[in-house]
Every structure is written in structure tokens, then in C-alpha cells.
Amino acid sequence: MFMEENKIYEETKIEIINFIAETLGKEAETITPETSINDISDDSIQLFELLLAFEKYYDVETAYDDVVNLNTVEDIIQYTIQITSD
């Protein structure tokens, strides 16, 4: 079970980092799970564009209460695992 969870985490981590890099025009190598959301976006408009792209890519609607708690890339990874495993 742990090996499967670790595999899901690693695949999701790579997917999210590449997704963020592509969506925001950043270098994937500069993004880690510890990276702050504020550090990867230039402004709130970019964050909004990232959120819209995320919802479209994963075909989900995110709740405001969920989004305000996403502070790092790690938070996005864990959130993605949660919503895609339901």
C-alpha cells in the first residue's frame, strides 16, 4: 500500500510541477514542493489563471475554502491527490 501511495505522490508531484511551469511560463526545475504559491506567480491574475487552468485540466470546481488553504506547491499536490482519488 505504501509503495502505491508513494508512486501516486511522485507521479502527481511531477505532473503538478510541470503543469504549473507550463501554465505560468516558468522553468520546472525552479519549482519544488516547498515553493510558495506567491513565489511562482507574478500577481493575483496569474494565480487566478492557474486556478482556472487547474479546474479545466482536472475537470473539477474548487471551493473557495479549499483554495485559500493552498500556500505551497506541496499543498496543491496533496489537494490534487485528494480530489482525484474521490
C-alpha atoms as a PDB file:
ATOM      1  CA  MET A   1       0.000   0.000   0.000  1.00  0.00           C
ATOM      2  CA  PHE A   2       2.757   2.475   0.920  1.00  0.00           C
ATOM      3  CA  MET A   3       4.584   1.819  -2.360  1.00  0.00           C
ATOM      4  CA  GLU A   4       1.401   2.555  -4.320  1.00  0.00           C
ATOM      5  CA  GLU A   5       0.787   5.773  -2.358  1.00  0.00           C
ATOM      6  CA  ASN A   6       4.394   6.834  -2.920  1.00  0.00           C
ATOM      7  CA  LYS A   7       4.048   6.149  -6.655  1.00  0.00           C
ATOM      8  CA  ILE A   8       0.847   8.214  -6.823  1.00  0.00           C
ATOM      9  CA  TYR A   9       2.550  11.037  -4.902  1.00  0.00           C
ATOM     10  CA  GLU A  10       5.626  11.064  -7.159  1.00  0.00           C
ATOM     11  CA  GLU A  11       3.545  10.982 -10.349  1.00  0.00           C
ATOM     12  CA  THR A  12       1.281  13.742  -9.070  1.00  0.00           C
ATOM     13  CA  LYS A  13       4.245  15.848  -7.943  1.00  0.00           C
ATOM     14  CA  ILE A  14       5.843  15.692 -11.389  1.00  0.00           C
ATOM     15  CA  GLU A  15       2.525  16.371 -13.096  1.00  0.00           C
ATOM     16  CA  ILE A  16       1.712  19.388 -10.908  1.00  0.00           C
ATOM     17  CA  ILE A  17       5.176  20.924 -11.159  1.00  0.00           C
ATOM     18  CA  ASN A  18       5.130  20.572 -14.944  1.00  0.00           C
ATOM     19  CA  PHE A  19       1.552  21.892 -15.081  1.00  0.00           C
ATOM     20  CA  ILE A  20       2.456  24.978 -13.036  1.00  0.00           C
ATOM     21  CA  ALA A  21       5.608  25.589 -15.073  1.00  0.00           C
ATOM     22  CA  GLU A  22       3.782  25.313 -18.377  1.00  0.00           C
ATOM     23  CA  THR A  23       0.779  27.369 -17.274  1.00  0.00           C
ATOM     24  CA  LEU A  24       2.837  30.193 -15.777  1.00  0.00           C
ATOM     25  CA  GLY A  25       5.789  30.060 -18.177  1.00  0.00           C
ATOM     26  CA  LYS A  26       8.296  29.060 -15.501  1.00  0.00           C
ATOM     27  CA  GLU A  27      11.178  26.588 -15.505  1.00  0.00           C
ATOM     28  CA  ALA A  28      10.042  23.337 -13.877  1.00  0.00           C
ATOM     29  CA  GLU A  29      13.477  22.933 -12.294  1.00  0.00           C
ATOM     30  CA  THR A  30      12.866  26.051 -10.207  1.00  0.00           C
ATOM     31  CA  ILE A  31       9.653  24.671  -8.674  1.00  0.00           C
ATOM     32  CA  THR A  32       9.731  22.309  -5.697  1.00  0.00           C
ATOM     33  CA  PRO A  33       7.045  21.115  -3.291  1.00  0.00           C
ATOM     34  CA  GLU A  34       8.285  23.723  -0.810  1.00  0.00           C
ATOM     35  CA  THR A  35       7.844  26.588  -3.275  1.00  0.00           C
ATOM     36  CA  SER A  36       5.348  29.176  -2.091  1.00  0.00           C
ATOM     37  CA  ILE A  37       2.407  29.902  -4.369  1.00  0.00           C
ATOM     38  CA  ASN A  38       3.266  33.598  -4.081  1.00  0.00           C
ATOM     39  CA  ASP A  39       6.791  32.897  -5.342  1.00  0.00           C
ATOM     40  CA  ILE A  40       5.630  31.230  -8.558  1.00  0.00           C
ATOM     41  CA  SER A  41       3.170  33.902  -9.657  1.00  0.00           C
ATOM     42  CA  ASP A  42       3.807  37.493 -10.560  1.00  0.00           C
ATOM     43  CA  ASP A  43       0.394  38.685  -9.438  1.00  0.00           C
ATOM     44  CA  SER A  44      -3.089  37.648  -8.412  1.00  0.00           C
ATOM     45  CA  ILE A  45      -4.199  37.486 -12.056  1.00  0.00           C
ATOM     46  CA  GLN A  46      -1.642  34.736 -12.699  1.00  0.00           C
ATOM     47  CA  LEU A  47      -2.920  32.859  -9.662  1.00  0.00           C
ATOM     48  CA  PHE A  48      -6.456  33.139 -10.989  1.00  0.00           C
ATOM     49  CA  GLU A  49      -5.331  31.902 -14.427  1.00  0.00           C
ATOM     50  CA  LEU A  50      -3.581  28.978 -12.734  1.00  0.00           C
ATOM     51  CA  LEU A  51      -6.744  28.121 -10.809  1.00  0.00           C
ATOM     52  CA  LEU A  52      -8.886  28.232 -13.953  1.00  0.00           C
ATOM     53  CA  ALA A  53      -6.411  26.067 -15.858  1.00  0.00           C
ATOM     54  CA  PHE A  54      -6.288  23.621 -12.933  1.00  0.00           C
ATOM     55  CA  GLU A  55     -10.083  23.319 -12.848  1.00  0.00           C
ATOM     56  CA  LYS A  56     -10.243  22.771 -16.591  1.00  0.00           C
ATOM     57  CA  TYR A  57      -7.367  20.260 -16.657  1.00  0.00           C
ATOM     58  CA  TYR A  58      -8.775  18.148 -13.822  1.00  0.00           C
ATOM     59  CA  ASP A  59     -12.428  18.830 -14.716  1.00  0.00           C
ATOM     60  CA  VAL A  60     -13.236  19.978 -11.177  1.00  0.00           C
ATOM     61  CA  GLU A  61     -14.630  23.018  -9.429  1.00  0.00           C
ATOM     62  CA  THR A  62     -12.603  24.195  -6.488  1.00  0.00           C
ATOM     63  CA  ALA A  63     -14.251  25.643  -3.410  1.00  0.00           C
ATOM     64  CA  TYR A  64     -13.021  28.978  -2.091  1.00  0.00           C
ATOM     65  CA  ASP A  65     -12.406  27.414   1.326  1.00  0.00           C
ATOM     66  CA  ASP A  66     -10.074  24.864  -0.306  1.00  0.00           C
ATOM     67  CA  VAL A  67      -8.182  27.373  -2.415  1.00  0.00           C
ATOM     68  CA  VAL A  68      -7.373  29.799   0.404  1.00  0.00           C
ATOM     69  CA  ASN A  69      -5.543  26.980   2.209  1.00  0.00           C
ATOM     70  CA  LEU A  70      -3.215  26.253  -0.714  1.00  0.00           C
ATOM     71  CA  ASN A  71       0.017  28.041   0.177  1.00  0.00           C
ATOM     72  CA  THR A  72       2.711  25.846  -1.354  1.00  0.00           C
ATOM     73  CA  VAL A  73       3.151  23.514  -4.285  1.00  0.00           C
ATOM     74  CA  GLU A  74       3.004  20.665  -1.746  1.00  0.00           C
ATOM     75  CA  ASP A  75      -0.479  21.842  -0.761  1.00  0.00           C
ATOM     76  CA  ILE A  76      -1.533  21.694  -4.422  1.00  0.00           C
ATOM     77  CA  ILE A  77      -0.051  18.196  -4.784  1.00  0.00           C
ATOM     78  CA  GLN A  78      -1.932  16.916  -1.721  1.00  0.00           C
ATOM     79  CA  TYR A  79      -5.143  18.649  -2.804  1.00  0.00           C
ATOM     80  CA  THR A  80      -4.856  17.110  -6.271  1.00  0.00           C
ATOM     81  CA  ILE A  81      -4.367  13.633  -4.817  1.00  0.00           C
ATOM     82  CA  GLN A  82      -7.402  14.173  -2.604  1.00  0.00           C
ATOM     83  CA  ILE A  83      -9.767  15.366  -5.343  1.00  0.00           C
ATOM     84  CA  THR A  84      -8.664  12.837  -7.938  1.00  0.00           C
ATOM     85  CA  SER A  85      -8.949   9.863  -5.599  1.00  0.00           C
ATOM     86  CA  ASP A  86     -12.557  10.559  -4.616  1.00  0.00           C
END
